[in-house]
Amino acid sequence: MHYMNISNFDLNLLRVFDAMMAERKCNARRATGVPVQPAASHALARLRKEIGDPLFVRAGREMIPTARATELGSAVHLLLDQLAL
């Protein structure tokens, strides 16, 4: 199991993740306020490193969540909703 250090964790990474879970497309950055695709890709790469999982795999134009992403999806959405981020 991969443990992450949350002392300096950027919660905005979870916004990108939540948008990707909802949209399942590379253009999920629109829902996050991340202005350009490279920024969204960079945020996802940082989150992948923190989580220790690829989180999403490309299938055509869709991004399919991994088992770990599916496992985290509802908890992340609930957390962001409760924090109103």
N, C-alpha and C. Protein backbone atom coordinates (compact mmCIF):
# COMPACT_ATOMS: atom_id res chain seq x y z
N MET A 1 0.84 -1.19 0.00
CA MET A 1 0.00 0.00 0.00
C MET A 1 0.88 1.24 0.00
N HIS A 2 0.47 2.24 -0.75
CA HIS A 2 1.20 3.49 -0.89
C HIS A 2 0.63 4.51 0.10
N TYR A 3 1.49 5.08 0.93
CA TYR A 3 1.06 6.11 1.87
C TYR A 3 1.55 7.46 1.38
N MET A 4 0.68 8.46 1.45
CA MET A 4 1.08 9.78 0.98
C MET A 4 1.22 10.73 2.14
N ASN A 5 2.11 11.69 1.96
CA ASN A 5 2.33 12.74 2.94
C ASN A 5 1.36 13.87 2.63
N ILE A 6 0.39 14.10 3.50
CA ILE A 6 -0.63 15.10 3.22
C ILE A 6 -0.30 16.47 3.80
N SER A 7 0.86 16.61 4.42
CA SER A 7 1.20 17.90 5.04
C SER A 7 1.27 19.04 4.03
N ASN A 8 1.67 18.76 2.80
CA ASN A 8 1.74 19.79 1.76
C ASN A 8 0.89 19.43 0.54
N PHE A 9 -0.14 18.63 0.75
CA PHE A 9 -0.96 18.15 -0.35
C PHE A 9 -1.82 19.28 -0.91
N ASP A 10 -1.84 19.41 -2.23
CA ASP A 10 -2.62 20.43 -2.92
C ASP A 10 -4.02 19.89 -3.19
N LEU A 11 -5.02 20.41 -2.49
CA LEU A 11 -6.39 19.94 -2.66
C LEU A 11 -6.93 20.20 -4.06
N ASN A 12 -6.34 21.13 -4.78
CA ASN A 12 -6.78 21.39 -6.15
C ASN A 12 -6.55 20.17 -7.05
N LEU A 13 -5.61 19.33 -6.68
CA LEU A 13 -5.40 18.09 -7.44
C LEU A 13 -6.65 17.21 -7.37
N LEU A 14 -7.33 17.25 -6.24
CA LEU A 14 -8.54 16.47 -6.08
C LEU A 14 -9.67 17.02 -6.94
N ARG A 15 -9.66 18.32 -7.19
CA ARG A 15 -10.67 18.91 -8.08
C ARG A 15 -10.50 18.38 -9.49
N VAL A 16 -9.25 18.27 -9.93
CA VAL A 16 -8.99 17.71 -11.27
C VAL A 16 -9.45 16.25 -11.31
N PHE A 17 -9.11 15.50 -10.27
CA PHE A 17 -9.53 14.10 -10.20
C PHE A 17 -11.05 13.98 -10.25
N ASP A 18 -11.74 14.78 -9.46
CA ASP A 18 -13.20 14.74 -9.40
C ASP A 18 -13.81 15.06 -10.77
N ALA A 19 -13.26 16.05 -11.44
CA ALA A 19 -13.75 16.40 -12.78
C ALA A 19 -13.50 15.27 -13.76
N MET A 20 -12.35 14.63 -13.66
CA MET A 20 -12.05 13.50 -14.55
C MET A 20 -13.01 12.34 -14.28
N MET A 21 -13.33 12.09 -13.03
CA MET A 21 -14.27 11.03 -12.71
C MET A 21 -15.65 11.34 -13.29
N ALA A 22 -16.05 12.59 -13.24
CA ALA A 22 -17.37 12.99 -13.73
C ALA A 22 -17.43 13.00 -15.26
N GLU A 23 -16.41 13.55 -15.88
CA GLU A 23 -16.42 13.75 -17.33
C GLU A 23 -15.88 12.56 -18.11
N ARG A 24 -14.87 11.89 -17.53
CA ARG A 24 -14.20 10.77 -18.20
C ARG A 24 -13.62 11.15 -19.54
N LYS A 25 -13.31 12.44 -19.68
CA LYS A 25 -12.73 12.93 -20.93
C LYS A 25 -11.55 13.84 -20.61
N CYS A 26 -10.70 14.03 -21.59
CA CYS A 26 -9.52 14.87 -21.41
C CYS A 26 -9.89 16.33 -21.22
N ASN A 27 -11.10 16.73 -21.59
CA ASN A 27 -11.48 18.13 -21.45
C ASN A 27 -12.11 18.42 -20.09
N ALA A 28 -11.92 17.54 -19.13
CA ALA A 28 -12.48 17.75 -17.80
C ALA A 28 -11.91 19.00 -17.14
N ARG A 29 -10.84 19.52 -17.67
CA ARG A 29 -10.23 20.72 -17.10
C ARG A 29 -11.20 21.90 -17.09
N ARG A 30 -12.17 21.90 -18.00
CA ARG A 30 -13.15 22.99 -18.03
C ARG A 30 -13.92 23.08 -16.73
N ALA A 31 -14.25 21.94 -16.17
CA ALA A 31 -15.03 21.92 -14.93
C ALA A 31 -14.19 22.29 -13.71
N THR A 32 -12.87 22.26 -13.84
CA THR A 32 -12.01 22.52 -12.69
C THR A 32 -11.51 23.94 -12.64
N GLY A 33 -11.66 24.68 -13.72
CA GLY A 33 -11.10 26.01 -13.77
C GLY A 33 -9.64 26.01 -14.17
N VAL A 34 -9.06 24.84 -14.43
CA VAL A 34 -7.68 24.76 -14.91
C VAL A 34 -7.71 25.22 -16.36
N PRO A 35 -6.97 26.29 -16.70
CA PRO A 35 -7.15 26.95 -17.99
C PRO A 35 -6.71 26.18 -19.23
N VAL A 36 -5.69 25.38 -19.16
CA VAL A 36 -5.19 24.73 -20.37
C VAL A 36 -4.90 23.26 -20.11
N GLN A 37 -4.97 22.47 -21.17
CA GLN A 37 -4.79 21.03 -21.05
C GLN A 37 -3.46 20.64 -20.42
N PRO A 38 -2.33 21.28 -20.76
CA PRO A 38 -1.08 20.89 -20.11
C PRO A 38 -1.12 21.06 -18.59
N ALA A 39 -1.81 22.07 -18.11
CA ALA A 39 -1.90 22.26 -16.65
C ALA A 39 -2.71 21.13 -16.02
N ALA A 40 -3.79 20.72 -16.68
CA ALA A 40 -4.60 19.62 -16.17
C ALA A 40 -3.79 18.32 -16.19
N SER A 41 -3.04 18.10 -17.26
CA SER A 41 -2.20 16.90 -17.35
C SER A 41 -1.13 16.89 -16.27
N HIS A 42 -0.54 18.05 -16.03
CA HIS A 42 0.48 18.16 -14.99
C HIS A 42 -0.13 17.87 -13.62
N ALA A 43 -1.31 18.40 -13.36
CA ALA A 43 -1.98 18.17 -12.07
C ALA A 43 -2.28 16.68 -11.91
N LEU A 44 -2.76 16.04 -12.97
CA LEU A 44 -3.05 14.62 -12.90
C LEU A 44 -1.77 13.80 -12.69
N ALA A 45 -0.69 14.20 -13.32
CA ALA A 45 0.59 13.51 -13.13
C ALA A 45 1.06 13.63 -11.68
N ARG A 46 0.90 14.81 -11.10
CA ARG A 46 1.27 15.00 -9.69
C ARG A 46 0.42 14.13 -8.78
N LEU A 47 -0.89 14.06 -9.06
CA LEU A 47 -1.77 13.24 -8.23
C LEU A 47 -1.45 11.76 -8.39
N ARG A 48 -1.15 11.34 -9.61
CA ARG A 48 -0.76 9.94 -9.83
C ARG A 48 0.45 9.58 -8.99
N LYS A 49 1.40 10.47 -8.94
CA LYS A 49 2.61 10.23 -8.15
C LYS A 49 2.27 10.17 -6.66
N GLU A 50 1.44 11.07 -6.19
CA GLU A 50 1.05 11.10 -4.78
C GLU A 50 0.28 9.84 -4.39
N ILE A 51 -0.64 9.41 -5.24
CA ILE A 51 -1.49 8.26 -4.96
C ILE A 51 -0.76 6.94 -5.21
N GLY A 52 0.18 6.97 -6.16
CA GLY A 52 0.91 5.75 -6.50
C GLY A 52 0.11 4.83 -7.41
N ASP A 53 -0.70 5.44 -8.29
CA ASP A 53 -1.55 4.68 -9.19
C ASP A 53 -1.76 5.51 -10.45
N PRO A 54 -1.91 4.89 -11.62
CA PRO A 54 -2.15 5.68 -12.83
C PRO A 54 -3.49 6.42 -12.83
N LEU A 55 -4.44 5.96 -12.03
CA LEU A 55 -5.76 6.56 -11.84
C LEU A 55 -6.66 6.49 -13.06
N PHE A 56 -6.16 6.84 -14.24
CA PHE A 56 -6.96 6.80 -15.47
C PHE A 56 -6.09 6.25 -16.60
N VAL A 57 -6.72 5.49 -17.48
CA VAL A 57 -6.04 5.03 -18.69
C VAL A 57 -6.86 5.48 -19.89
N ARG A 58 -6.18 5.87 -20.92
CA ARG A 58 -6.85 6.37 -22.12
C ARG A 58 -7.44 5.22 -22.93
N ALA A 59 -8.66 5.43 -23.36
CA ALA A 59 -9.33 4.49 -24.27
C ALA A 59 -10.04 5.35 -25.32
N GLY A 60 -9.34 5.62 -26.41
CA GLY A 60 -9.87 6.54 -27.41
C GLY A 60 -9.87 7.95 -26.85
N ARG A 61 -11.03 8.57 -26.82
CA ARG A 61 -11.14 9.93 -26.28
C ARG A 61 -11.54 9.93 -24.81
N GLU A 62 -11.80 8.75 -24.27
CA GLU A 62 -12.20 8.64 -22.86
C GLU A 62 -11.03 8.29 -21.98
N MET A 63 -11.15 8.67 -20.74
CA MET A 63 -10.19 8.29 -19.71
C MET A 63 -10.92 7.35 -18.76
N ILE A 64 -10.52 6.10 -18.74
CA ILE A 64 -11.17 5.08 -17.93
C ILE A 64 -10.49 5.02 -16.56
N PRO A 65 -11.27 5.13 -15.48
CA PRO A 65 -10.65 5.07 -14.14
C PRO A 65 -10.16 3.66 -13.82
N THR A 66 -9.05 3.63 -13.11
CA THR A 66 -8.53 2.36 -12.61
C THR A 66 -9.39 1.93 -11.41
N ALA A 67 -9.13 0.73 -10.93
CA ALA A 67 -9.85 0.25 -9.75
C ALA A 67 -9.62 1.18 -8.55
N ARG A 68 -8.40 1.68 -8.41
CA ARG A 68 -8.08 2.58 -7.29
C ARG A 68 -8.84 3.89 -7.43
N ALA A 69 -8.91 4.43 -8.64
CA ALA A 69 -9.65 5.68 -8.86
C ALA A 69 -11.13 5.47 -8.55
N THR A 70 -11.67 4.35 -8.98
CA THR A 70 -13.07 4.05 -8.70
C THR A 70 -13.31 3.95 -7.20
N GLU A 71 -12.37 3.34 -6.51
CA GLU A 71 -12.45 3.19 -5.07
C GLU A 71 -12.46 4.55 -4.36
N LEU A 72 -11.68 5.49 -4.87
CA LEU A 72 -11.55 6.82 -4.25
C LEU A 72 -12.61 7.82 -4.70
N GLY A 73 -13.22 7.58 -5.85
CA GLY A 73 -14.08 8.56 -6.49
C GLY A 73 -15.16 9.17 -5.63
N SER A 74 -16.01 8.37 -5.01
CA SER A 74 -17.11 8.93 -4.23
C SER A 74 -16.63 9.62 -2.97
N ALA A 75 -15.57 9.11 -2.35
CA ALA A 75 -15.04 9.74 -1.14
C ALA A 75 -14.45 11.11 -1.47
N VAL A 76 -13.73 11.22 -2.58
CA VAL A 76 -13.16 12.51 -2.99
C VAL A 76 -14.28 13.49 -3.32
N HIS A 77 -15.28 13.04 -4.04
CA HIS A 77 -16.40 13.92 -4.39
C HIS A 77 -17.10 14.42 -3.12
N LEU A 78 -17.35 13.54 -2.19
CA LEU A 78 -18.00 13.93 -0.93
C LEU A 78 -17.14 14.92 -0.15
N LEU A 79 -15.85 14.66 -0.08
CA LEU A 79 -14.94 15.57 0.63
C LEU A 79 -14.96 16.96 0.01
N LEU A 80 -14.84 17.02 -1.31
CA LEU A 80 -14.85 18.33 -1.99
C LEU A 80 -16.18 19.04 -1.81
N ASP A 81 -17.26 18.28 -1.83
CA ASP A 81 -18.58 18.86 -1.62
C ASP A 81 -18.69 19.43 -0.21
N GLN A 82 -18.20 18.70 0.76
CA GLN A 82 -18.26 19.16 2.14
C GLN A 82 -17.37 20.37 2.39
N LEU A 83 -16.24 20.43 1.69
CA LEU A 83 -15.33 21.56 1.82
C LEU A 83 -15.74 22.72 0.92
N ALA A 84 -16.70 22.44 0.03
CA ALA A 84 -17.18 23.44 -0.95
C ALA A 84 -16.04 23.97 -1.80
N LEU A 85 -15.21 23.05 -2.32
CA LEU A 85 -14.09 23.44 -3.21
C LEU A 85 -14.49 23.27 -4.64
